[in-house]
């Protein structure tokens, strides 16, 4: 079983280079930052501890979003 954790939203630099709020989601030895937008969720991956960001590959994005939504439903309220 892969361990996941969701931390509260925090300020991060999004794919547009602007400051945004995003969930911090640990999944499969990576940290993903998931931003909710008007059209749905956008997944941003932290590639280096220094704050360099890049979009997640599209095929991986769907998997990460599915796991994020599953973990959100399982979270105690």
PDB file of N, CA and C in Angstrom:
ATOM      1  N   UNK A   1       0.833  -1.174   0.000  1.00  0.00           N
ATOM      2  CA  UNK A   1       0.000   0.000   0.000  1.00  0.00           C
ATOM      3  C   UNK A   1       0.888   1.251   0.000  1.00  0.00           C
ATOM      4  N   UNK A   2       0.547   2.202  -0.824  1.00  0.00           N
ATOM      5  CA  UNK A   2       1.296   3.451  -0.914  1.00  0.00           C
ATOM      6  C   UNK A   2       0.732   4.430   0.111  1.00  0.00           C
ATOM      7  N   UNK A   3       1.619   4.997   0.909  1.00  0.00           N
ATOM      8  CA  UNK A   3       1.192   5.958   1.923  1.00  0.00           C
ATOM      9  C   UNK A   3       1.016   7.330   1.286  1.00  0.00           C
ATOM     10  N   UNK A   4      -0.045   8.004   1.695  1.00  0.00           N
ATOM     11  CA  UNK A   4      -0.292   9.352   1.200  1.00  0.00           C
ATOM     12  C   UNK A   4      -0.557  10.268   2.389  1.00  0.00           C
ATOM     13  N   UNK A   5      -0.346  11.550   2.200  1.00  0.00           N
ATOM     14  CA  UNK A   5      -0.747  12.527   3.203  1.00  0.00           C
ATOM     15  C   UNK A   5      -1.092  13.828   2.494  1.00  0.00           C
ATOM     16  N   UNK A   6      -2.074  14.517   3.066  1.00  0.00           N
ATOM     17  CA  UNK A   6      -2.489  15.813   2.542  1.00  0.00           C
ATOM     18  C   UNK A   6      -2.267  16.832   3.637  1.00  0.00           C
ATOM     19  N   UNK A   7      -1.592  17.911   3.279  1.00  0.00           N
ATOM     20  CA  UNK A   7      -1.403  18.998   4.225  1.00  0.00           C
ATOM     21  C   UNK A   7      -2.219  20.193   3.764  1.00  0.00           C
ATOM     22  N   UNK A   8      -2.580  21.068   4.688  1.00  0.00           N
ATOM     23  CA  UNK A   8      -3.434  22.211   4.330  1.00  0.00           C
ATOM     24  C   UNK A   8      -2.842  23.060   3.213  1.00  0.00           C
ATOM     25  N   UNK A   9      -3.730  23.819   2.572  1.00  0.00           N
ATOM     26  CA  UNK A   9      -3.299  24.673   1.478  1.00  0.00           C
ATOM     27  C   UNK A   9      -2.285  25.690   1.959  1.00  0.00           C
ATOM     28  N   UNK A  10      -1.346  25.992   1.076  1.00  0.00           N
ATOM     29  CA  UNK A  10      -0.344  27.006   1.378  1.00  0.00           C
ATOM     30  C   UNK A  10      -0.008  27.750   0.094  1.00  0.00           C
ATOM     31  N   UNK A  11       0.681  28.861   0.246  1.00  0.00           N
ATOM     32  CA  UNK A  11       1.073  29.659  -0.914  1.00  0.00           C
ATOM     33  C   UNK A  11       2.234  28.997  -1.644  1.00  0.00           C
ATOM     34  N   UNK A  12       2.069  28.818  -2.935  1.00  0.00           N
ATOM     35  CA  UNK A  12       3.125  28.270  -3.789  1.00  0.00           C
ATOM     36  C   UNK A  12       3.142  29.059  -5.094  1.00  0.00           C
ATOM     37  N   UNK A  13       4.183  28.893  -5.866  1.00  0.00           N
ATOM     38  CA  UNK A  13       4.244  29.496  -7.191  1.00  0.00           C
ATOM     39  C   UNK A  13       3.708  28.479  -8.184  1.00  0.00           C
ATOM     40  N   UNK A  14       2.644  28.858  -8.867  1.00  0.00           N
ATOM     41  CA  UNK A  14       1.981  27.959  -9.800  1.00  0.00           C
ATOM     42  C   UNK A  14       2.646  27.918 -11.163  1.00  0.00           C
ATOM     43  N   UNK A  15       2.001  27.218 -12.076  1.00  0.00           N
ATOM     44  CA  UNK A  15       2.559  27.043 -13.419  1.00  0.00           C
ATOM     45  C   UNK A  15       2.641  28.352 -14.194  1.00  0.00           C
ATOM     46  N   UNK A  16       1.841  29.357 -13.811  1.00  0.00           N
ATOM     47  CA  UNK A  16       1.883  30.644 -14.502  1.00  0.00           C
ATOM     48  C   UNK A  16       2.927  31.573 -13.912  1.00  0.00           C
ATOM     49  N   UNK A  17       3.586  31.142 -12.848  1.00  0.00           N
ATOM     50  CA  UNK A  17       4.576  31.978 -12.189  1.00  0.00           C
ATOM     51  C   UNK A  17       3.972  32.901 -11.140  1.00  0.00           C
ATOM     52  N   UNK A  18       2.655  32.802 -10.940  1.00  0.00           N
ATOM     53  CA  UNK A  18       1.954  33.616  -9.955  1.00  0.00           C
ATOM     54  C   UNK A  18       1.785  32.844  -8.653  1.00  0.00           C
ATOM     55  N   UNK A  19       1.670  33.585  -7.559  1.00  0.00           N
ATOM     56  CA  UNK A  19       1.416  32.981  -6.257  1.00  0.00           C
ATOM     57  C   UNK A  19      -0.009  32.442  -6.228  1.00  0.00           C
ATOM     58  N   UNK A  20      -0.186  31.237  -5.713  1.00  0.00           N
ATOM     59  CA  UNK A  20      -1.514  30.642  -5.629  1.00  0.00           C
ATOM     60  C   UNK A  20      -1.585  29.766  -4.383  1.00  0.00           C
ATOM     61  N   UNK A  21      -2.798  29.364  -4.006  1.00  0.00           N
ATOM     62  CA  UNK A  21      -3.004  28.424  -2.910  1.00  0.00           C
ATOM     63  C   UNK A  21      -3.056  27.015  -3.494  1.00  0.00           C
ATOM     64  N   UNK A  22      -2.379  26.080  -2.846  1.00  0.00           N
ATOM     65  CA  UNK A  22      -2.390  24.705  -3.349  1.00  0.00           C
ATOM     66  C   UNK A  22      -2.287  23.729  -2.178  1.00  0.00           C
ATOM     67  N   UNK A  23      -2.934  22.574  -2.347  1.00  0.00           N
ATOM     68  CA  UNK A  23      -2.806  21.490  -1.375  1.00  0.00           C
ATOM     69  C   UNK A  23      -1.449  20.845  -1.565  1.00  0.00           C
ATOM     70  N   UNK A  24      -0.824  20.464  -0.471  1.00  0.00           N
ATOM     71  CA  UNK A  24       0.438  19.735  -0.523  1.00  0.00           C
ATOM     72  C   UNK A  24       0.098  18.257  -0.334  1.00  0.00           C
ATOM     73  N   UNK A  25       0.406  17.433  -1.314  1.00  0.00           N
ATOM     74  CA  UNK A  25       0.011  16.030  -1.331  1.00  0.00           C
ATOM     75  C   UNK A  25       1.233  15.152  -1.532  1.00  0.00           C
ATOM     76  N   UNK A  26       1.569  14.362  -0.520  1.00  0.00           N
ATOM     77  CA  UNK A  26       2.679  13.413  -0.623  1.00  0.00           C
ATOM     78  C   UNK A  26       2.129  12.103  -1.160  1.00  0.00           C
ATOM     79  N   UNK A  27       2.736  11.634  -2.238  1.00  0.00           N
ATOM     80  CA  UNK A  27       2.282  10.402  -2.861  1.00  0.00           C
ATOM     81  C   UNK A  27       3.449   9.753  -3.589  1.00  0.00           C
ATOM     82  N   UNK A  28       3.689   8.513  -3.266  1.00  0.00           N
ATOM     83  CA  UNK A  28       4.691   7.698  -3.955  1.00  0.00           C
ATOM     84  C   UNK A  28       6.046   8.396  -4.070  1.00  0.00           C
ATOM     85  N   UNK A  29       6.585   8.786  -2.938  1.00  0.00           N
ATOM     86  CA  UNK A  29       7.919   9.394  -2.814  1.00  0.00           C
ATOM     87  C   UNK A  29       8.077  10.710  -3.577  1.00  0.00           C
ATOM     88  N   UNK A  30       6.989  11.414  -3.776  1.00  0.00           N
ATOM     89  CA  UNK A  30       7.038  12.734  -4.415  1.00  0.00           C
ATOM     90  C   UNK A  30       6.036  13.638  -3.710  1.00  0.00           C
ATOM     91  N   UNK A  31       6.267  14.927  -3.785  1.00  0.00           N
ATOM     92  CA  UNK A  31       5.315  15.892  -3.252  1.00  0.00           C
ATOM     93  C   UNK A  31       4.690  16.634  -4.423  1.00  0.00           C
ATOM     94  N   UNK A  32       3.367  16.634  -4.435  1.00  0.00           N
ATOM     95  CA  UNK A  32       2.626  17.310  -5.490  1.00  0.00           C
ATOM     96  C   UNK A  32       1.860  18.462  -4.871  1.00  0.00           C
ATOM     97  N   UNK A  33       1.745  19.531  -5.610  1.00  0.00           N
ATOM     98  CA  UNK A  33       0.958  20.671  -5.183  1.00  0.00           C
ATOM     99  C   UNK A  33      -0.235  20.748  -6.118  1.00  0.00           C
ATOM    100  N   UNK A  34      -1.432  20.692  -5.540  1.00  0.00           N
ATOM    101  CA  UNK A  34      -2.653  20.606  -6.322  1.00  0.00           C
ATOM    102  C   UNK A  34      -3.468  21.864  -6.093  1.00  0.00           C
ATOM    103  N   UNK A  35      -3.681  22.593  -7.168  1.00  0.00           N
ATOM    104  CA  UNK A  35      -4.402  23.851  -7.130  1.00  0.00           C
ATOM    105  C   UNK A  35      -5.799  23.644  -7.697  1.00  0.00           C
ATOM    106  N   UNK A  36      -6.815  24.159  -7.004  1.00  0.00           N
ATOM    107  CA  UNK A  36      -8.170  24.109  -7.528  1.00  0.00           C
ATOM    108  C   UNK A  36      -8.411  25.379  -8.341  1.00  0.00           C
ATOM    109  N   UNK A  37      -8.838  25.213  -9.578  1.00  0.00           N
ATOM    110  CA  UNK A  37      -9.097  26.356 -10.461  1.00  0.00           C
ATOM    111  C   UNK A  37     -10.571  26.349 -10.861  1.00  0.00           C
ATOM    112  N   UNK A  38     -10.963  27.315 -11.652  1.00  0.00           N
ATOM    113  CA  UNK A  38     -12.348  27.397 -12.126  1.00  0.00           C
ATOM    114  C   UNK A  38     -12.717  26.201 -12.997  1.00  0.00           C
ATOM    115  N   UNK A  39     -11.755  25.617 -13.665  1.00  0.00           N
ATOM    116  CA  UNK A  39     -12.032  24.500 -14.574  1.00  0.00           C
ATOM    117  C   UNK A  39     -11.704  23.138 -13.980  1.00  0.00           C
ATOM    118  N   UNK A  40     -11.283  23.076 -12.746  1.00  0.00           N
ATOM    119  CA  UNK A  40     -10.931  21.810 -12.113  1.00  0.00           C
ATOM    120  C   UNK A  40      -9.619  21.923 -11.365  1.00  0.00           C
ATOM    121  N   UNK A  41      -8.943  20.802 -11.224  1.00  0.00           N
ATOM    122  CA  UNK A  41      -7.680  20.769 -10.501  1.00  0.00           C
ATOM    123  C   UNK A  41      -6.494  20.843 -11.456  1.00  0.00           C
ATOM    124  N   UNK A  42      -5.436  21.496 -11.002  1.00  0.00           N
ATOM    125  CA  UNK A  42      -4.170  21.539 -11.728  1.00  0.00           C
ATOM    126  C   UNK A  42      -3.121  20.967 -10.790  1.00  0.00           C
ATOM    127  N   UNK A  43      -2.333  20.039 -11.286  1.00  0.00           N
ATOM    128  CA  UNK A  43      -1.305  19.406 -10.471  1.00  0.00           C
ATOM    129  C   UNK A  43       0.057  19.996 -10.817  1.00  0.00           C
ATOM    130  N   UNK A  44       0.788  20.413  -9.773  1.00  0.00           N
ATOM    131  CA  UNK A  44       2.133  20.964  -9.940  1.00  0.00           C
ATOM    132  C   UNK A  44       3.062  20.067  -9.129  1.00  0.00           C
ATOM    133  N   UNK A  45       4.191  19.694  -9.705  1.00  0.00           N
ATOM    134  CA  UNK A  45       5.129  18.823  -8.993  1.00  0.00           C
ATOM    135  C   UNK A  45       6.357  19.614  -8.568  1.00  0.00           C
ATOM    136  N   UNK A  46       6.748  19.447  -7.323  1.00  0.00           N
ATOM    137  CA  UNK A  46       7.996  20.058  -6.867  1.00  0.00           C
ATOM    138  C   UNK A  46       9.128  19.133  -7.294  1.00  0.00           C
ATOM    139  N   UNK A  47       9.996  19.619  -8.134  1.00  0.00           N
ATOM    140  CA  UNK A  47      11.063  18.763  -8.647  1.00  0.00           C
ATOM    141  C   UNK A  47      12.345  18.886  -7.843  1.00  0.00           C
ATOM    142  N   UNK A  48      12.541  20.029  -7.164  1.00  0.00           N
ATOM    143  CA  UNK A  48      13.744  20.249  -6.360  1.00  0.00           C
ATOM    144  C   UNK A  48      13.371  21.020  -5.096  1.00  0.00           C
ATOM    145  N   UNK A  49      14.101  20.787  -4.022  1.00  0.00           N
ATOM    146  CA  UNK A  49      13.803  21.492  -2.775  1.00  0.00           C
ATOM    147  C   UNK A  49      13.943  23.006  -2.885  1.00  0.00           C
ATOM    148  N   UNK A  50      14.660  23.491  -3.860  1.00  0.00           N
ATOM    149  CA  UNK A  50      14.870  24.942  -3.992  1.00  0.00           C
ATOM    150  C   UNK A  50      13.663  25.659  -4.567  1.00  0.00           C
ATOM    151  N   UNK A  51      12.598  24.940  -4.865  1.00  0.00           N
ATOM    152  CA  UNK A  51      11.384  25.582  -5.348  1.00  0.00           C
ATOM    153  C   UNK A  51      11.230  25.626  -6.852  1.00  0.00           C
ATOM    154  N   UNK A  52      11.969  24.806  -7.596  1.00  0.00           N
ATOM    155  CA  UNK A  52      11.784  24.734  -9.046  1.00  0.00           C
ATOM    156  C   UNK A  52      10.550  23.882  -9.333  1.00  0.00           C
ATOM    157  N   UNK A  53       9.661  24.374 -10.158  1.00  0.00           N
ATOM    158  CA  UNK A  53       8.389  23.704 -10.423  1.00  0.00           C
ATOM    159  C   UNK A  53       8.294  23.323 -11.891  1.00  0.00           C
ATOM    160  N   UNK A  54       7.527  22.289 -12.169  1.00  0.00           N
ATOM    161  CA  UNK A  54       7.209  21.941 -13.551  1.00  0.00           C
ATOM    162  C   UNK A  54       5.888  21.189 -13.552  1.00  0.00           C
ATOM    163  N   UNK A  55       5.130  21.301 -14.620  1.00  0.00           N
ATOM    164  CA  UNK A  55       3.870  20.550 -14.678  1.00  0.00           C
ATOM    165  C   UNK A  55       4.132  19.044 -14.680  1.00  0.00           C
ATOM    166  N   UNK A  56       3.197  18.307 -14.147  1.00  0.00           N
ATOM    167  CA  UNK A  56       3.287  16.850 -14.137  1.00  0.00           C
ATOM    168  C   UNK A  56       2.920  16.337 -15.525  1.00  0.00           C
ATOM    169  N   UNK A  57       3.522  15.240 -15.937  1.00  0.00           N
ATOM    170  CA  UNK A  57       3.194  14.627 -17.223  1.00  0.00           C
ATOM    171  C   UNK A  57       1.707  14.267 -17.241  1.00  0.00           C
ATOM    172  N   UNK A  58       1.005  14.500 -18.354  1.00  0.00           N
ATOM    173  CA  UNK A  58      -0.450  14.297 -18.401  1.00  0.00           C
ATOM    174  C   UNK A  58      -0.925  12.917 -17.940  1.00  0.00           C
ATOM    175  N   UNK A  59      -0.249  11.852 -18.333  1.00  0.00           N
ATOM    176  CA  UNK A  59      -0.697  10.517 -17.934  1.00  0.00           C
ATOM    177  C   UNK A  59      -0.533  10.310 -16.423  1.00  0.00           C
ATOM    178  N   UNK A  60       0.444  10.945 -15.827  1.00  0.00           N
ATOM    179  CA  UNK A  60       0.669  10.830 -14.394  1.00  0.00           C
ATOM    180  C   UNK A  60      -0.303  11.731 -13.619  1.00  0.00           C
ATOM    181  N   UNK A  61      -0.685  12.825 -14.228  1.00  0.00           N
ATOM    182  CA  UNK A  61      -1.585  13.790 -13.611  1.00  0.00           C
ATOM    183  C   UNK A  61      -2.918  13.135 -13.233  1.00  0.00           C
ATOM    184  N   UNK A  62      -3.496  12.363 -14.126  1.00  0.00           N
ATOM    185  CA  UNK A  62      -4.770  11.700 -13.857  1.00  0.00           C
ATOM    186  C   UNK A  62      -4.664  10.749 -12.677  1.00  0.00           C
ATOM    187  N   UNK A  63      -3.573  10.001 -12.601  1.00  0.00           N
ATOM    188  CA  UNK A  63      -3.366   9.060 -11.509  1.00  0.00           C
ATOM    189  C   UNK A  63      -3.241   9.805 -10.179  1.00  0.00           C
ATOM    190  N   UNK A  64      -2.457  10.893 -10.167  1.00  0.00           N
ATOM    191  CA  UNK A  64      -2.249  11.664  -8.945  1.00  0.00           C
ATOM    192  C   UNK A  64      -3.559  12.297  -8.484  1.00  0.00           C
ATOM    193  N   UNK A  65      -4.337  12.858  -9.414  1.00  0.00           N
ATOM    194  CA  UNK A  65      -5.617  13.461  -9.044  1.00  0.00           C
ATOM    195  C   UNK A  65      -6.586  12.428  -8.474  1.00  0.00           C
ATOM    196  N   UNK A  66      -6.618  11.245  -9.057  1.00  0.00           N
ATOM    197  CA  UNK A  66      -7.493  10.191  -8.544  1.00  0.00           C
ATOM    198  C   UNK A  66      -7.093   9.809  -7.126  1.00  0.00           C
ATOM    199  N   UNK A  67      -5.810   9.672  -6.863  1.00  0.00           N
ATOM    200  CA  UNK A  67      -5.335   9.337  -5.521  1.00  0.00           C
ATOM    201  C   UNK A  67      -5.587  10.482  -4.541  1.00  0.00           C
ATOM    202  N   UNK A  68      -5.414  11.725  -4.993  1.00  0.00           N
ATOM    203  CA  UNK A  68      -5.670  12.887  -4.153  1.00  0.00           C
ATOM    204  C   UNK A  68      -7.137  12.924  -3.743  1.00  0.00           C
ATOM    205  N   UNK A  69      -8.046  12.718  -4.689  1.00  0.00           N
ATOM    206  CA  UNK A  69      -9.470  12.744  -4.376  1.00  0.00           C
ATOM    207  C   UNK A  69      -9.854  11.590  -3.463  1.00  0.00           C
ATOM    208  N   UNK A  70      -9.255  10.436  -3.645  1.00  0.00           N
ATOM    209  CA  UNK A  70      -9.500   9.292  -2.765  1.00  0.00           C
ATOM    210  C   UNK A  70      -9.016   9.611  -1.345  1.00  0.00           C
ATOM    211  N   UNK A  71      -7.842  10.207  -1.235  1.00  0.00           N
ATOM    212  CA  UNK A  71      -7.297  10.562   0.076  1.00  0.00           C
ATOM    213  C   UNK A  71      -8.139  11.652   0.745  1.00  0.00           C
ATOM    214  N   UNK A  72      -8.664  12.595  -0.034  1.00  0.00           N
ATOM    215  CA  UNK A  72      -9.526  13.636   0.530  1.00  0.00           C
ATOM    216  C   UNK A  72     -10.789  13.039   1.127  1.00  0.00           C
ATOM    217  N   UNK A  73     -11.390  12.089   0.424  1.00  0.00           N
ATOM    218  CA  UNK A  73     -12.611  11.449   0.930  1.00  0.00           C
ATOM    219  C   UNK A  73     -12.332  10.665   2.215  1.00  0.00           C
ATOM    220  N   UNK A  74     -11.143  10.101   2.340  1.00  0.00           N
ATOM    221  CA  UNK A  74     -10.790   9.284   3.505  1.00  0.00           C
ATOM    222  C   UNK A  74     -10.370  10.119   4.710  1.00  0.00           C
ATOM    223  N   UNK A  75     -10.099  11.413   4.479  1.00  0.00           N
ATOM    224  CA  UNK A  75      -9.659  12.299   5.566  1.00  0.00           C
ATOM    225  C   UNK A  75     -10.757  12.494   6.598  1.00  0.00           C
ATOM    226  N   UNK A  76     -10.384  12.476   7.881  1.00  0.00           N
ATOM    227  CA  UNK A  76     -11.389  12.802   8.903  1.00  0.00           C
ATOM    228  C   UNK A  76     -11.786  14.268   8.777  1.00  0.00           C
ATOM    229  N   UNK A  77     -13.025  14.555   8.984  1.00  0.00           N
ATOM    230  CA  UNK A  77     -13.534  15.929   8.870  1.00  0.00           C
ATOM    231  C   UNK A  77     -13.433  16.664  10.181  1.00  0.00           C
TER     232      UNK A  77
END
